N, C-alpha and C. Protein backbone atom coordinates (compact mmCIF):
# COMPACT_ATOMS: atom_id res chain seq x y z
N UNK A 1 95.59 136.09 99.04
CA UNK A 1 93.97 135.54 99.16
C UNK A 1 93.28 135.47 98.60
N UNK A 2 92.94 136.11 97.98
CA UNK A 2 91.99 136.33 96.50
C UNK A 2 91.82 134.42 96.04
N UNK A 3 93.21 134.23 95.71
CA UNK A 3 93.52 133.11 95.26
C UNK A 3 93.19 131.68 96.19
N UNK A 4 93.29 131.84 97.11
CA UNK A 4 93.64 130.78 98.49
C UNK A 4 91.88 130.44 98.77
N UNK A 5 91.28 131.43 99.04
CA UNK A 5 89.82 130.97 99.23
C UNK A 5 88.97 130.23 98.22
N UNK A 6 89.27 130.06 97.11
CA UNK A 6 88.47 129.34 96.12
C UNK A 6 89.17 127.89 95.92
N UNK A 7 90.78 128.03 96.11
CA UNK A 7 91.10 126.81 96.45
C UNK A 7 90.56 126.14 97.64
N UNK A 8 90.70 126.80 98.94
CA UNK A 8 90.19 126.06 99.73
C UNK A 8 88.67 125.65 99.40
N UNK A 9 87.82 126.37 99.04
CA UNK A 9 86.41 126.03 98.93
C UNK A 9 86.35 124.83 97.96
N UNK A 10 87.31 124.38 96.71
CA UNK A 10 87.30 123.67 96.06
C UNK A 10 87.95 122.39 96.80
N UNK A 11 88.53 122.18 97.74
CA UNK A 11 89.22 121.26 98.75
C UNK A 11 87.93 120.58 99.59
N UNK A 12 86.87 121.64 100.21
CA UNK A 12 86.53 121.13 100.81
C UNK A 12 85.39 120.26 100.17
N UNK A 13 84.47 120.94 98.89
CA UNK A 13 83.79 120.29 97.98
C UNK A 13 84.43 118.68 97.48
N UNK A 14 85.71 118.94 97.35
CA UNK A 14 85.95 118.02 97.03
C UNK A 14 85.91 116.94 98.49
N UNK A 15 86.53 116.96 99.27
CA UNK A 15 86.44 116.14 100.51
C UNK A 15 84.75 115.63 100.48
N UNK A 16 83.66 116.71 100.51
CA UNK A 16 82.32 116.23 100.60
C UNK A 16 81.88 115.29 99.89
N UNK A 17 82.28 115.33 98.40
CA UNK A 17 81.89 114.47 97.56
C UNK A 17 82.67 113.04 97.93
N UNK A 18 83.98 113.38 98.18
CA UNK A 18 84.27 112.00 98.53
C UNK A 18 83.66 111.03 99.82
N UNK A 19 83.23 111.93 100.37
CA UNK A 19 82.72 111.41 101.73
C UNK A 19 81.48 110.91 101.09
N UNK A 20 80.96 111.64 100.17
CA UNK A 20 79.22 110.73 99.29
C UNK A 20 79.66 109.83 99.19
N UNK A 21 80.51 109.69 98.14
CA UNK A 21 80.89 108.23 97.76
C UNK A 21 81.44 107.11 98.42
N UNK A 22 82.03 107.53 99.71
CA UNK A 22 82.57 106.50 100.77
C UNK A 22 81.03 106.00 101.25
N UNK A 23 80.18 107.17 101.54
CA UNK A 23 79.21 106.54 102.52
C UNK A 23 78.31 106.06 101.48
N UNK A 24 77.95 105.87 99.86
CA UNK A 24 77.45 105.26 99.00
C UNK A 24 78.00 103.63 98.96
N UNK A 25 79.16 103.72 99.21
CA UNK A 25 80.15 102.42 99.32
C UNK A 25 79.25 101.80 100.43
N UNK A 26 79.48 102.40 101.40
CA UNK A 26 79.25 101.65 102.78
C UNK A 26 77.95 101.39 102.88
N UNK A 27 77.14 102.00 102.26
CA UNK A 27 75.53 101.38 102.47
C UNK A 27 75.31 99.89 101.87
N UNK A 28 75.88 99.53 100.67
CA UNK A 28 75.99 98.50 100.37
C UNK A 28 76.93 97.17 101.05
N UNK A 29 78.13 97.49 101.72
CA UNK A 29 79.09 96.91 101.57
C UNK A 29 79.30 96.55 103.43
N UNK A 30 78.57 97.48 104.62
CA UNK A 30 78.72 97.25 105.94
C UNK A 30 77.86 95.75 105.88
N UNK A 31 78.56 95.22 107.10
CA UNK A 31 77.88 93.65 107.61
C UNK A 31 76.85 93.85 108.58
N UNK A 32 75.61 93.99 108.69
CA UNK A 32 74.69 94.00 107.59
C UNK A 32 74.38 94.69 106.88
N UNK A 33 74.11 94.84 105.18
CA UNK A 33 74.43 95.75 104.42
C UNK A 33 72.68 96.54 104.69
N UNK A 34 72.96 98.18 104.71
CA UNK A 34 71.68 98.40 104.65
C UNK A 34 70.76 98.79 103.77
N UNK A 35 71.54 98.24 102.43
CA UNK A 35 70.46 97.92 101.39
C UNK A 35 69.72 96.61 101.61
N UNK A 36 69.92 95.33 102.60
CA UNK A 36 69.04 94.70 102.65
C UNK A 36 67.96 95.03 102.87
N UNK A 37 67.87 95.78 104.01
CA UNK A 37 66.28 96.18 104.80
C UNK A 37 65.87 97.68 103.99
N UNK A 38 66.80 98.40 103.48
CA UNK A 38 66.33 99.95 103.17
C UNK A 38 66.32 100.33 102.00
N UNK A 39 65.18 100.48 101.52
CA UNK A 39 64.76 101.42 100.11
C UNK A 39 65.64 103.05 99.96
N UNK A 40 66.55 102.58 99.11
CA UNK A 40 67.18 103.81 99.05
C UNK A 40 67.84 104.04 97.21
N UNK A 41 66.76 105.27 96.56
CA UNK A 41 66.99 105.07 94.96
C UNK A 41 68.33 105.55 94.90
N UNK A 42 69.27 106.16 95.40
CA UNK A 42 70.30 106.65 94.74
C UNK A 42 71.57 105.34 94.69
N UNK A 43 71.03 104.57 95.86
CA UNK A 43 71.88 103.25 95.92
C UNK A 43 71.54 102.05 95.33
N UNK A 44 70.32 102.30 94.63
CA UNK A 44 69.77 100.87 93.82
C UNK A 44 69.39 99.93 94.85
N UNK A 45 68.83 100.44 95.91
CA UNK A 45 68.42 99.67 97.17
C UNK A 45 67.24 99.47 97.19
N UNK A 46 66.56 98.35 97.31
CA UNK A 46 64.84 97.97 97.39
C UNK A 46 64.70 97.31 98.30
N UNK A 47 65.56 97.30 99.48
CA UNK A 47 65.35 96.52 100.61
C UNK A 47 63.52 97.19 101.20
N UNK A 48 62.82 96.32 101.76
CA UNK A 48 61.68 96.08 102.40
C UNK A 48 61.09 95.74 103.25
N UNK A 49 62.28 95.39 104.41
CA UNK A 49 62.02 95.23 105.94
C UNK A 49 62.12 96.64 106.57
N UNK A 50 62.83 97.59 106.68
CA UNK A 50 63.10 98.61 107.23
C UNK A 50 62.06 99.69 106.23
N UNK A 51 61.94 101.00 107.13
CA UNK A 51 61.34 102.02 106.43
C UNK A 51 62.07 102.37 104.91
N UNK A 52 61.74 103.17 103.62
CA UNK A 52 62.09 103.30 102.95
C UNK A 52 62.87 104.87 103.05
N UNK A 53 64.19 104.80 103.08
CA UNK A 53 64.84 106.22 103.29
C UNK A 53 64.61 107.16 102.05
N UNK A 54 64.07 106.78 101.15
CA UNK A 54 63.42 108.00 100.06
C UNK A 54 62.38 108.86 100.84
N UNK A 55 61.32 107.62 101.14
CA UNK A 55 60.02 108.60 101.81
C UNK A 55 60.45 108.99 103.33
N UNK A 56 61.22 108.26 104.06
CA UNK A 56 61.59 109.10 105.49
C UNK A 56 62.34 110.09 105.60
N UNK A 57 63.59 110.31 104.44
CA UNK A 57 64.52 111.76 104.36
C UNK A 57 64.90 111.97 106.02
N UNK A 58 65.56 111.12 106.61
CA UNK A 58 66.39 111.38 107.60
C UNK A 58 67.19 112.40 107.49
N UNK A 59 67.51 113.23 108.62
CA UNK A 59 68.75 114.12 108.35
C UNK A 59 70.01 113.07 109.02
N UNK A 60 70.88 113.48 108.98
CA UNK A 60 72.03 113.24 109.26
C UNK A 60 72.36 112.48 110.85
N UNK A 61 71.89 113.60 112.00
CA UNK A 61 71.78 113.40 113.31
C UNK A 61 70.89 112.01 113.54
N UNK A 62 69.95 111.92 112.86
CA UNK A 62 68.78 111.30 113.25
C UNK A 62 69.78 109.50 112.80
N UNK A 63 70.11 109.55 111.42
CA UNK A 63 70.53 108.47 110.70
C UNK A 63 71.95 107.69 111.87
N UNK A 64 72.99 109.34 112.57
CA UNK A 64 73.86 108.79 113.38
C UNK A 64 73.13 108.15 115.05
N UNK A 65 72.16 108.74 115.27
CA UNK A 65 71.55 107.88 116.18
C UNK A 65 70.85 106.45 116.40
N UNK A 66 70.31 106.47 114.93
CA UNK A 66 69.79 104.79 114.73
C UNK A 66 70.84 104.12 114.74
N UNK A 67 71.98 104.63 113.75
CA UNK A 67 73.23 103.65 113.89
C UNK A 67 73.89 102.80 115.15
N UNK A 68 74.09 104.13 115.95
CA UNK A 68 74.79 104.31 117.15
C UNK A 68 73.53 103.30 118.04
N UNK A 69 72.50 103.65 118.37
CA UNK A 69 71.46 102.80 119.12
C UNK A 69 70.59 102.03 118.71
N UNK A 70 70.22 101.61 117.45
CA UNK A 70 69.55 100.96 116.74
C UNK A 70 68.28 101.55 116.84
N UNK A 71 67.08 100.92 116.52
CA UNK A 71 66.01 101.62 116.66
C UNK A 71 64.70 100.72 116.16
N UNK A 72 63.67 100.29 116.44
CA UNK A 72 62.78 99.12 116.58
C UNK A 72 63.52 98.25 116.04
N UNK A 73 63.54 97.56 115.21
CA UNK A 73 63.95 96.17 114.70
C UNK A 73 65.80 96.35 114.45
N UNK A 74 65.74 97.44 113.92
CA UNK A 74 67.09 97.74 113.45
C UNK A 74 68.47 97.56 114.85
N UNK A 75 69.31 96.83 114.66
CA UNK A 75 70.44 96.59 115.45
C UNK A 75 71.36 97.91 115.40
N UNK A 76 71.54 98.21 116.51
CA UNK A 76 73.10 99.14 116.38
C UNK A 76 74.17 98.59 116.27
N UNK A 77 74.91 99.52 115.26
CA UNK A 77 76.11 99.30 114.29
C UNK A 77 77.82 99.72 115.18
N UNK A 78 77.39 99.23 116.11
CA UNK A 78 78.71 99.40 116.84
C UNK A 78 79.80 99.43 116.20
N UNK A 79 80.28 98.31 115.51
CA UNK A 79 81.67 97.74 115.17
C UNK A 79 81.85 98.81 113.77
N UNK A 80 81.12 100.22 113.49
CA UNK A 80 81.37 101.08 112.61
C UNK A 80 82.15 102.10 113.23
N UNK A 81 83.04 102.67 112.58
CA UNK A 81 83.74 103.51 113.19
C UNK A 81 83.18 104.86 113.27
N UNK A 82 83.57 105.64 113.80
CA UNK A 82 82.61 107.18 113.97
C UNK A 82 82.63 107.94 112.73
N UNK A 83 84.02 108.02 111.69
CA UNK A 83 84.16 108.32 110.65
C UNK A 83 83.02 107.01 109.68
N UNK A 84 82.83 105.99 109.42
CA UNK A 84 82.02 105.28 108.97
C UNK A 84 80.56 105.79 108.84
N UNK A 85 80.36 105.77 110.21
CA UNK A 85 78.85 106.45 110.86
C UNK A 85 78.59 107.77 110.12
N UNK A 86 79.71 108.84 109.92
CA UNK A 86 79.40 109.99 109.62
C UNK A 86 79.28 110.05 108.22
N UNK A 87 80.23 109.27 107.61
CA UNK A 87 80.22 108.94 105.78
C UNK A 87 78.79 108.43 105.81
N UNK A 88 77.84 107.30 106.05
CA UNK A 88 76.67 106.89 105.78
C UNK A 88 76.11 108.06 106.42
N UNK A 89 76.10 108.66 107.40
CA UNK A 89 74.81 109.40 107.90
C UNK A 89 74.74 110.73 106.65
N UNK A 90 75.82 111.41 106.18
CA UNK A 90 75.71 112.47 105.42
C UNK A 90 75.37 112.09 103.43
N UNK A 91 75.71 110.67 103.59
CA UNK A 91 75.49 110.26 102.16
C UNK A 91 73.80 109.90 102.13
N UNK A 92 73.43 109.38 103.48
CA UNK A 92 72.08 109.12 103.54
C UNK A 92 71.09 110.65 103.19
N UNK A 93 71.61 111.48 104.06
CA UNK A 93 70.75 112.99 104.45
C UNK A 93 70.81 113.41 102.75
N UNK A 94 72.18 113.10 101.66
CA UNK A 94 72.16 114.12 100.86
C UNK A 94 71.15 113.66 99.75
N UNK A 95 71.05 111.80 99.87
CA UNK A 95 70.55 111.24 98.54
C UNK A 95 69.27 111.42 99.13
N UNK A 96 68.88 111.71 100.08
CA UNK A 96 67.35 111.36 100.11
C UNK A 96 66.54 113.13 99.81
N UNK A 97 67.27 114.19 99.80
CA UNK A 97 67.37 115.59 99.90
C UNK A 97 66.54 115.74 97.98
C-alpha cells in the first residue's frame, strides 16, 4: 500500500500536466482561436479584443460558463467537447494564477 499511493499520485500529476498541455494547444488551435481575442502570456497570446486573461484571472468554472454560453461579444463554443472545455478551463485557470 505504501508503494501504491505514491504511484497513484504520480499518475494523477501526469494526467493533470497532460491536460494543461492539451489546454494550451487548444487555446491557439480551436476555431476561432482564443488567442485571436485574448491576451495570455503563458500562451504567447496578445489578443486585444476581449479582456486580458492575465488580468481577469478567471477560475475554471467561469471559463466553462463563458465557453458554453458566450459572454458579451464572445460567442458560445458549443462545438467543443466537454473534455476540450474542461482542458481549456483548467489550463487558463492554472496559467493565470
